[in-house]
Amino acid sequence: MSHELNSAYTVFHSNPLNGDTKFIGVYSSKNSAEKAVAKLSIQPGFIDSPKNFDIQSYPLNKEELRENSVFLVWYKNLQNEDDVKVMGAYSSKKKAEDSIQQLIKSTEFKDSPENFDIYDYILDQTSWTEGFITWDEA
């Protein structure tokens, strides 16, 4: 199965107590991402901070997707493990690898090619549903 997708939408949630941020999932539309947020925001672990969800859009250049998945390129700062960011979303692993090669050519990333990872995600599937808990809840 293939279909055209203009953008992929990532959802993250931040813990207001310590700033910890978790990746929730990647979605095929803003509407799908908002539905996931609405569902999770009333769940334990999220209900205390329903405004701490963040939806980001990544263009896919109107490319054909296969198997309803996208490849996200992640960058992690090895000196600060909390500094992790999505650099882009791609319709194929090859396009994700090509983007890393382009990023490595820039001054900011040329000395850290090992800091990039590529992960394949199924669209519209929530990856993290537990939310944050306090020690009292544990």
N, C-alpha and C. Protein backbone atom coordinates (compact mmCIF):
# COMPACT_ATOMS: atom_id res chain seq x y z
N MET A 1 0.84 -1.18 0.00
CA MET A 1 0.00 0.00 0.00
C MET A 1 0.88 1.24 0.00
N SER A 2 0.56 2.21 -0.85
CA SER A 2 1.28 3.47 -0.84
C SER A 2 0.27 4.59 -0.95
N HIS A 3 0.63 5.75 -0.42
CA HIS A 3 -0.21 6.92 -0.54
C HIS A 3 0.65 8.17 -0.42
N GLU A 4 0.11 9.27 -0.89
CA GLU A 4 0.84 10.52 -0.85
C GLU A 4 0.63 11.20 0.50
N LEU A 5 1.70 11.70 1.05
CA LEU A 5 1.65 12.38 2.34
C LEU A 5 2.50 13.63 2.23
N ASN A 6 1.95 14.77 2.58
CA ASN A 6 2.68 16.03 2.48
C ASN A 6 3.61 16.27 3.66
N SER A 7 3.19 15.87 4.85
CA SER A 7 3.96 16.10 6.07
C SER A 7 3.76 14.96 7.05
N ALA A 8 4.71 14.82 7.94
CA ALA A 8 4.58 13.92 9.09
C ALA A 8 4.56 14.81 10.33
N TYR A 9 3.80 14.39 11.32
CA TYR A 9 3.62 15.19 12.54
C TYR A 9 4.11 14.39 13.74
N THR A 10 5.10 14.93 14.45
CA THR A 10 5.58 14.27 15.66
C THR A 10 4.88 14.88 16.87
N VAL A 11 4.73 14.05 17.91
CA VAL A 11 4.14 14.51 19.16
C VAL A 11 5.12 14.17 20.28
N PHE A 12 5.41 15.17 21.11
CA PHE A 12 6.24 15.01 22.29
C PHE A 12 5.45 15.49 23.50
N HIS A 13 5.84 15.03 24.68
CA HIS A 13 5.24 15.51 25.92
C HIS A 13 6.35 15.80 26.92
N SER A 14 6.25 16.96 27.59
CA SER A 14 7.26 17.38 28.58
C SER A 14 6.71 17.27 29.98
N ASN A 15 7.55 16.80 30.89
CA ASN A 15 7.22 16.74 32.31
C ASN A 15 7.50 18.12 32.89
N PRO A 16 6.47 18.80 33.42
CA PRO A 16 6.68 20.14 33.96
C PRO A 16 7.54 20.17 35.23
N LEU A 17 7.67 19.04 35.90
CA LEU A 17 8.45 19.01 37.15
C LEU A 17 9.95 18.99 36.91
N ASN A 18 10.39 18.30 35.84
CA ASN A 18 11.83 18.19 35.62
C ASN A 18 12.26 18.49 34.18
N GLY A 19 11.32 18.83 33.31
CA GLY A 19 11.65 19.16 31.93
C GLY A 19 11.92 17.97 31.04
N ASP A 20 11.82 16.75 31.58
CA ASP A 20 12.03 15.54 30.78
C ASP A 20 10.99 15.50 29.66
N THR A 21 11.44 15.18 28.46
CA THR A 21 10.56 15.12 27.30
C THR A 21 10.56 13.73 26.71
N LYS A 22 9.38 13.23 26.36
CA LYS A 22 9.25 11.90 25.77
C LYS A 22 8.60 11.99 24.40
N PHE A 23 9.05 11.14 23.50
CA PHE A 23 8.48 11.02 22.16
C PHE A 23 7.22 10.17 22.26
N ILE A 24 6.13 10.69 21.73
CA ILE A 24 4.85 9.99 21.78
C ILE A 24 4.61 9.18 20.51
N GLY A 25 4.82 9.78 19.36
CA GLY A 25 4.60 9.08 18.11
C GLY A 25 4.68 10.02 16.92
N VAL A 26 4.51 9.45 15.74
CA VAL A 26 4.51 10.23 14.50
C VAL A 26 3.21 9.91 13.75
N TYR A 27 2.60 10.96 13.21
CA TYR A 27 1.25 10.84 12.68
C TYR A 27 1.16 11.38 11.25
N SER A 28 0.18 10.90 10.52
CA SER A 28 0.03 11.23 9.11
C SER A 28 -0.67 12.57 8.87
N SER A 29 -1.28 13.12 9.89
CA SER A 29 -1.96 14.42 9.74
C SER A 29 -1.97 15.14 11.08
N LYS A 30 -2.16 16.44 11.02
CA LYS A 30 -2.26 17.21 12.26
C LYS A 30 -3.48 16.75 13.05
N ASN A 31 -4.56 16.43 12.34
CA ASN A 31 -5.77 15.94 12.98
C ASN A 31 -5.51 14.64 13.75
N SER A 32 -4.77 13.71 13.15
CA SER A 32 -4.44 12.44 13.83
C SER A 32 -3.58 12.70 15.07
N ALA A 33 -2.63 13.64 14.95
CA ALA A 33 -1.78 13.98 16.10
C ALA A 33 -2.62 14.60 17.21
N GLU A 34 -3.52 15.50 16.85
CA GLU A 34 -4.38 16.14 17.85
C GLU A 34 -5.32 15.13 18.52
N LYS A 35 -5.80 14.15 17.77
CA LYS A 35 -6.65 13.10 18.36
C LYS A 35 -5.85 12.27 19.37
N ALA A 36 -4.60 11.96 19.04
CA ALA A 36 -3.75 11.21 19.98
C ALA A 36 -3.53 12.02 21.25
N VAL A 37 -3.27 13.31 21.10
CA VAL A 37 -3.07 14.19 22.27
C VAL A 37 -4.34 14.23 23.11
N ALA A 38 -5.49 14.38 22.48
CA ALA A 38 -6.77 14.44 23.22
C ALA A 38 -6.99 13.15 24.01
N LYS A 39 -6.69 12.02 23.41
CA LYS A 39 -6.87 10.73 24.07
C LYS A 39 -5.90 10.58 25.26
N LEU A 40 -4.64 10.95 25.03
CA LEU A 40 -3.63 10.79 26.08
C LEU A 40 -3.78 11.81 27.21
N SER A 41 -4.24 13.01 26.90
CA SER A 41 -4.28 14.08 27.90
C SER A 41 -5.21 13.80 29.07
N ILE A 42 -6.07 12.81 28.94
CA ILE A 42 -6.96 12.45 30.06
C ILE A 42 -6.50 11.16 30.75
N GLN A 43 -5.35 10.65 30.34
CA GLN A 43 -4.81 9.42 30.91
C GLN A 43 -3.88 9.73 32.10
N PRO A 44 -3.79 8.79 33.08
CA PRO A 44 -2.82 8.98 34.16
C PRO A 44 -1.42 9.16 33.57
N GLY A 45 -0.66 10.03 34.19
CA GLY A 45 0.68 10.32 33.71
C GLY A 45 0.72 11.51 32.77
N PHE A 46 -0.42 11.85 32.20
CA PHE A 46 -0.53 13.02 31.32
C PHE A 46 -1.55 14.03 31.83
N ILE A 47 -2.53 13.56 32.61
CA ILE A 47 -3.66 14.39 33.00
C ILE A 47 -3.25 15.63 33.80
N ASP A 48 -2.13 15.53 34.53
CA ASP A 48 -1.67 16.67 35.33
C ASP A 48 -0.98 17.75 34.49
N SER A 49 -0.65 17.43 33.25
CA SER A 49 0.02 18.42 32.39
C SER A 49 -0.44 18.28 30.93
N PRO A 50 -1.76 18.44 30.72
CA PRO A 50 -2.29 18.25 29.37
C PRO A 50 -1.83 19.30 28.36
N LYS A 51 -1.33 20.42 28.84
CA LYS A 51 -0.87 21.49 27.93
C LYS A 51 0.59 21.30 27.52
N ASN A 52 1.24 20.25 28.00
CA ASN A 52 2.66 20.06 27.73
C ASN A 52 2.94 19.16 26.53
N PHE A 53 1.97 19.00 25.66
CA PHE A 53 2.18 18.27 24.40
C PHE A 53 2.67 19.26 23.35
N ASP A 54 3.53 18.78 22.49
CA ASP A 54 4.06 19.61 21.41
C ASP A 54 3.95 18.84 20.10
N ILE A 55 3.30 19.44 19.12
CA ILE A 55 3.16 18.83 17.79
C ILE A 55 4.03 19.61 16.83
N GLN A 56 4.90 18.91 16.11
CA GLN A 56 5.77 19.52 15.10
C GLN A 56 5.51 18.88 13.74
N SER A 57 5.58 19.68 12.71
CA SER A 57 5.36 19.22 11.34
C SER A 57 6.68 19.13 10.59
N TYR A 58 6.85 18.05 9.82
CA TYR A 58 8.04 17.85 8.99
C TYR A 58 7.60 17.56 7.56
N PRO A 59 7.95 18.43 6.61
CA PRO A 59 7.53 18.21 5.22
C PRO A 59 8.17 16.96 4.62
N LEU A 60 7.41 16.29 3.76
CA LEU A 60 7.90 15.09 3.09
C LEU A 60 8.00 15.26 1.58
N ASN A 61 7.85 16.47 1.07
CA ASN A 61 7.98 16.75 -0.35
C ASN A 61 7.06 15.91 -1.23
N LYS A 62 5.87 15.64 -0.74
CA LYS A 62 4.83 14.93 -1.50
C LYS A 62 5.34 13.63 -2.11
N GLU A 63 6.05 12.88 -1.32
CA GLU A 63 6.60 11.62 -1.80
C GLU A 63 5.69 10.45 -1.45
N GLU A 64 5.85 9.39 -2.19
CA GLU A 64 5.08 8.19 -1.94
C GLU A 64 5.65 7.42 -0.75
N LEU A 65 4.78 7.02 0.13
CA LEU A 65 5.19 6.21 1.29
C LEU A 65 4.81 4.76 1.04
N ARG A 66 5.62 3.87 1.56
CA ARG A 66 5.34 2.44 1.50
C ARG A 66 5.09 1.94 2.92
N GLU A 67 4.16 1.03 3.03
CA GLU A 67 3.91 0.36 4.33
C GLU A 67 3.51 1.32 5.44
N ASN A 68 3.01 2.51 5.11
CA ASN A 68 2.48 3.44 6.10
C ASN A 68 3.49 3.78 7.21
N SER A 69 4.74 4.01 6.82
CA SER A 69 5.75 4.37 7.80
C SER A 69 6.64 5.48 7.29
N VAL A 70 7.34 6.13 8.20
CA VAL A 70 8.32 7.16 7.86
C VAL A 70 9.60 6.90 8.64
N PHE A 71 10.66 7.49 8.16
CA PHE A 71 11.97 7.39 8.81
C PHE A 71 12.31 8.74 9.41
N LEU A 72 12.53 8.77 10.71
CA LEU A 72 12.94 10.00 11.39
C LEU A 72 14.44 9.98 11.60
N VAL A 73 15.07 11.11 11.31
CA VAL A 73 16.49 11.29 11.61
C VAL A 73 16.58 12.03 12.94
N TRP A 74 17.25 11.40 13.89
CA TRP A 74 17.44 11.96 15.23
C TRP A 74 18.89 12.38 15.39
N TYR A 75 19.10 13.47 16.12
CA TYR A 75 20.45 13.91 16.48
C TYR A 75 20.53 13.95 17.99
N LYS A 76 21.56 13.32 18.54
CA LYS A 76 21.75 13.34 20.00
C LYS A 76 23.11 13.94 20.31
N ASN A 77 23.11 14.86 21.26
CA ASN A 77 24.33 15.50 21.73
C ASN A 77 24.94 14.55 22.77
N LEU A 78 26.08 13.97 22.46
CA LEU A 78 26.68 12.98 23.36
C LEU A 78 27.21 13.60 24.65
N GLN A 79 27.40 14.93 24.67
CA GLN A 79 27.83 15.61 25.90
C GLN A 79 26.64 15.93 26.81
N ASN A 80 25.43 15.91 26.26
CA ASN A 80 24.24 16.22 27.03
C ASN A 80 23.12 15.30 26.55
N GLU A 81 22.90 14.19 27.25
CA GLU A 81 21.95 13.18 26.79
C GLU A 81 20.52 13.68 26.71
N ASP A 82 20.21 14.81 27.34
CA ASP A 82 18.87 15.38 27.24
C ASP A 82 18.68 16.17 25.95
N ASP A 83 19.76 16.45 25.25
CA ASP A 83 19.71 17.23 24.01
C ASP A 83 19.56 16.29 22.82
N VAL A 84 18.31 15.94 22.51
CA VAL A 84 17.98 15.04 21.41
C VAL A 84 16.90 15.72 20.59
N LYS A 85 17.06 15.72 19.26
CA LYS A 85 16.05 16.37 18.43
C LYS A 85 15.84 15.64 17.12
N VAL A 86 14.64 15.77 16.61
CA VAL A 86 14.31 15.23 15.30
C VAL A 86 14.80 16.24 14.27
N MET A 87 15.59 15.75 13.32
CA MET A 87 16.13 16.63 12.28
C MET A 87 15.28 16.61 11.01
N GLY A 88 14.47 15.56 10.84
CA GLY A 88 13.62 15.49 9.66
C GLY A 88 12.90 14.16 9.56
N ALA A 89 11.91 14.12 8.69
CA ALA A 89 11.13 12.91 8.42
C ALA A 89 11.24 12.61 6.93
N TYR A 90 11.38 11.32 6.60
CA TYR A 90 11.65 10.92 5.22
C TYR A 90 10.83 9.70 4.84
N SER A 91 10.57 9.60 3.54
CA SER A 91 9.75 8.51 3.03
C SER A 91 10.53 7.21 2.84
N SER A 92 11.86 7.29 2.88
CA SER A 92 12.68 6.08 2.72
C SER A 92 13.94 6.20 3.57
N LYS A 93 14.52 5.05 3.88
CA LYS A 93 15.77 5.05 4.64
C LYS A 93 16.88 5.71 3.83
N LYS A 94 16.89 5.50 2.53
CA LYS A 94 17.90 6.11 1.66
C LYS A 94 17.84 7.63 1.74
N LYS A 95 16.64 8.20 1.70
CA LYS A 95 16.50 9.65 1.79
C LYS A 95 16.94 10.15 3.17
N ALA A 96 16.68 9.38 4.22
CA ALA A 96 17.14 9.75 5.56
C ALA A 96 18.67 9.72 5.63
N GLU A 97 19.27 8.69 5.05
CA GLU A 97 20.74 8.59 5.03
C GLU A 97 21.34 9.74 4.24
N ASP A 98 20.73 10.09 3.11
CA ASP A 98 21.21 11.21 2.31
C ASP A 98 21.14 12.52 3.09
N SER A 99 20.08 12.69 3.88
CA SER A 99 19.95 13.92 4.66
C SER A 99 21.05 14.02 5.72
N ILE A 100 21.41 12.89 6.31
CA ILE A 100 22.50 12.89 7.29
C ILE A 100 23.80 13.32 6.62
N GLN A 101 24.05 12.81 5.43
CA GLN A 101 25.27 13.20 4.70
C GLN A 101 25.29 14.70 4.44
N GLN A 102 24.14 15.27 4.12
CA GLN A 102 24.07 16.73 3.91
C GLN A 102 24.32 17.47 5.22
N LEU A 103 23.73 16.98 6.32
CA LEU A 103 23.92 17.64 7.62
C LEU A 103 25.38 17.58 8.07
N ILE A 104 26.03 16.46 7.82
CA ILE A 104 27.44 16.29 8.23
C ILE A 104 28.34 17.29 7.50
N LYS A 105 27.95 17.70 6.32
CA LYS A 105 28.73 18.69 5.57
C LYS A 105 28.70 20.07 6.22
N SER A 106 27.69 20.32 7.07
CA SER A 106 27.60 21.63 7.71
C SER A 106 28.59 21.72 8.87
N THR A 107 29.02 22.91 9.17
CA THR A 107 30.00 23.14 10.23
C THR A 107 29.53 22.61 11.58
N GLU A 108 28.25 22.79 11.86
CA GLU A 108 27.71 22.40 13.17
C GLU A 108 27.82 20.90 13.44
N PHE A 109 27.71 20.05 12.40
CA PHE A 109 27.65 18.61 12.60
C PHE A 109 28.83 17.83 12.04
N LYS A 110 29.79 18.50 11.41
CA LYS A 110 30.85 17.78 10.70
C LYS A 110 31.70 16.90 11.60
N ASP A 111 31.83 17.26 12.89
CA ASP A 111 32.66 16.48 13.80
C ASP A 111 31.87 15.43 14.58
N SER A 112 30.59 15.27 14.24
CA SER A 112 29.78 14.34 15.04
C SER A 112 28.84 13.48 14.20
N PRO A 113 29.34 12.82 13.16
CA PRO A 113 28.43 11.99 12.35
C PRO A 113 27.85 10.81 13.12
N GLU A 114 28.54 10.37 14.17
CA GLU A 114 28.06 9.24 14.97
C GLU A 114 26.87 9.63 15.86
N ASN A 115 26.55 10.91 15.92
CA ASN A 115 25.45 11.37 16.77
C ASN A 115 24.08 11.24 16.11
N PHE A 116 24.04 10.78 14.85
CA PHE A 116 22.78 10.65 14.13
C PHE A 116 22.29 9.21 14.17
N ASP A 117 20.97 9.07 14.26
CA ASP A 117 20.32 7.76 14.18
C ASP A 117 19.10 7.88 13.28
N ILE A 118 18.75 6.78 12.66
CA ILE A 118 17.54 6.71 11.84
C ILE A 118 16.65 5.63 12.43
N TYR A 119 15.38 5.98 12.65
CA TYR A 119 14.41 5.02 13.14
C TYR A 119 13.18 5.04 12.24
N ASP A 120 12.64 3.88 12.01
CA ASP A 120 11.44 3.69 11.20
C ASP A 120 10.24 3.66 12.14
N TYR A 121 9.22 4.48 11.85
CA TYR A 121 8.03 4.53 12.69
C TYR A 121 6.78 4.27 11.85
N ILE A 122 5.87 3.51 12.39
CA ILE A 122 4.57 3.31 11.76
C ILE A 122 3.73 4.55 12.06
N LEU A 123 3.13 5.09 11.03
CA LEU A 123 2.30 6.29 11.19
C LEU A 123 1.06 6.00 12.02
N ASP A 124 0.64 6.99 12.78
CA ASP A 124 -0.59 6.96 13.56
C ASP A 124 -0.60 5.87 14.63
N GLN A 125 0.59 5.50 15.09
CA GLN A 125 0.71 4.53 16.18
C GLN A 125 1.41 5.22 17.34
N THR A 126 0.74 5.30 18.47
CA THR A 126 1.32 5.94 19.65
C THR A 126 2.36 5.01 20.25
N SER A 127 3.57 5.53 20.40
CA SER A 127 4.69 4.72 20.90
C SER A 127 4.80 4.72 22.42
N TRP A 128 4.41 5.82 23.03
CA TRP A 128 4.58 5.94 24.49
C TRP A 128 3.25 6.36 25.10
N THR A 129 2.66 5.49 25.90
CA THR A 129 1.33 5.74 26.45
C THR A 129 1.30 5.86 27.97
N GLU A 130 2.44 5.61 28.63
CA GLU A 130 2.44 5.55 30.10
C GLU A 130 2.38 6.90 30.78
N GLY A 131 2.92 7.94 30.15
CA GLY A 131 2.95 9.25 30.79
C GLY A 131 3.97 9.27 31.92
N PHE A 132 4.04 10.41 32.58
CA PHE A 132 4.96 10.57 33.72
C PHE A 132 4.21 10.23 34.99
N ILE A 133 4.89 9.56 35.90
CA ILE A 133 4.28 9.28 37.20
C ILE A 133 5.15 9.87 38.30
N THR A 134 4.56 10.13 39.43
CA THR A 134 5.32 10.62 40.56
C THR A 134 5.69 9.44 41.45
N TRP A 135 6.58 9.67 42.38
CA TRP A 135 6.96 8.59 43.31
C TRP A 135 5.77 8.13 44.13
N ASP A 136 4.83 9.03 44.40
CA ASP A 136 3.62 8.66 45.14
C ASP A 136 2.78 7.66 44.34
N GLU A 137 2.80 7.77 43.01
CA GLU A 137 2.02 6.86 42.16
C GLU A 137 2.73 5.55 41.92
N ALA A 138 4.05 5.53 42.09
CA ALA A 138 4.86 4.34 41.76
C ALA A 138 4.65 3.20 42.70
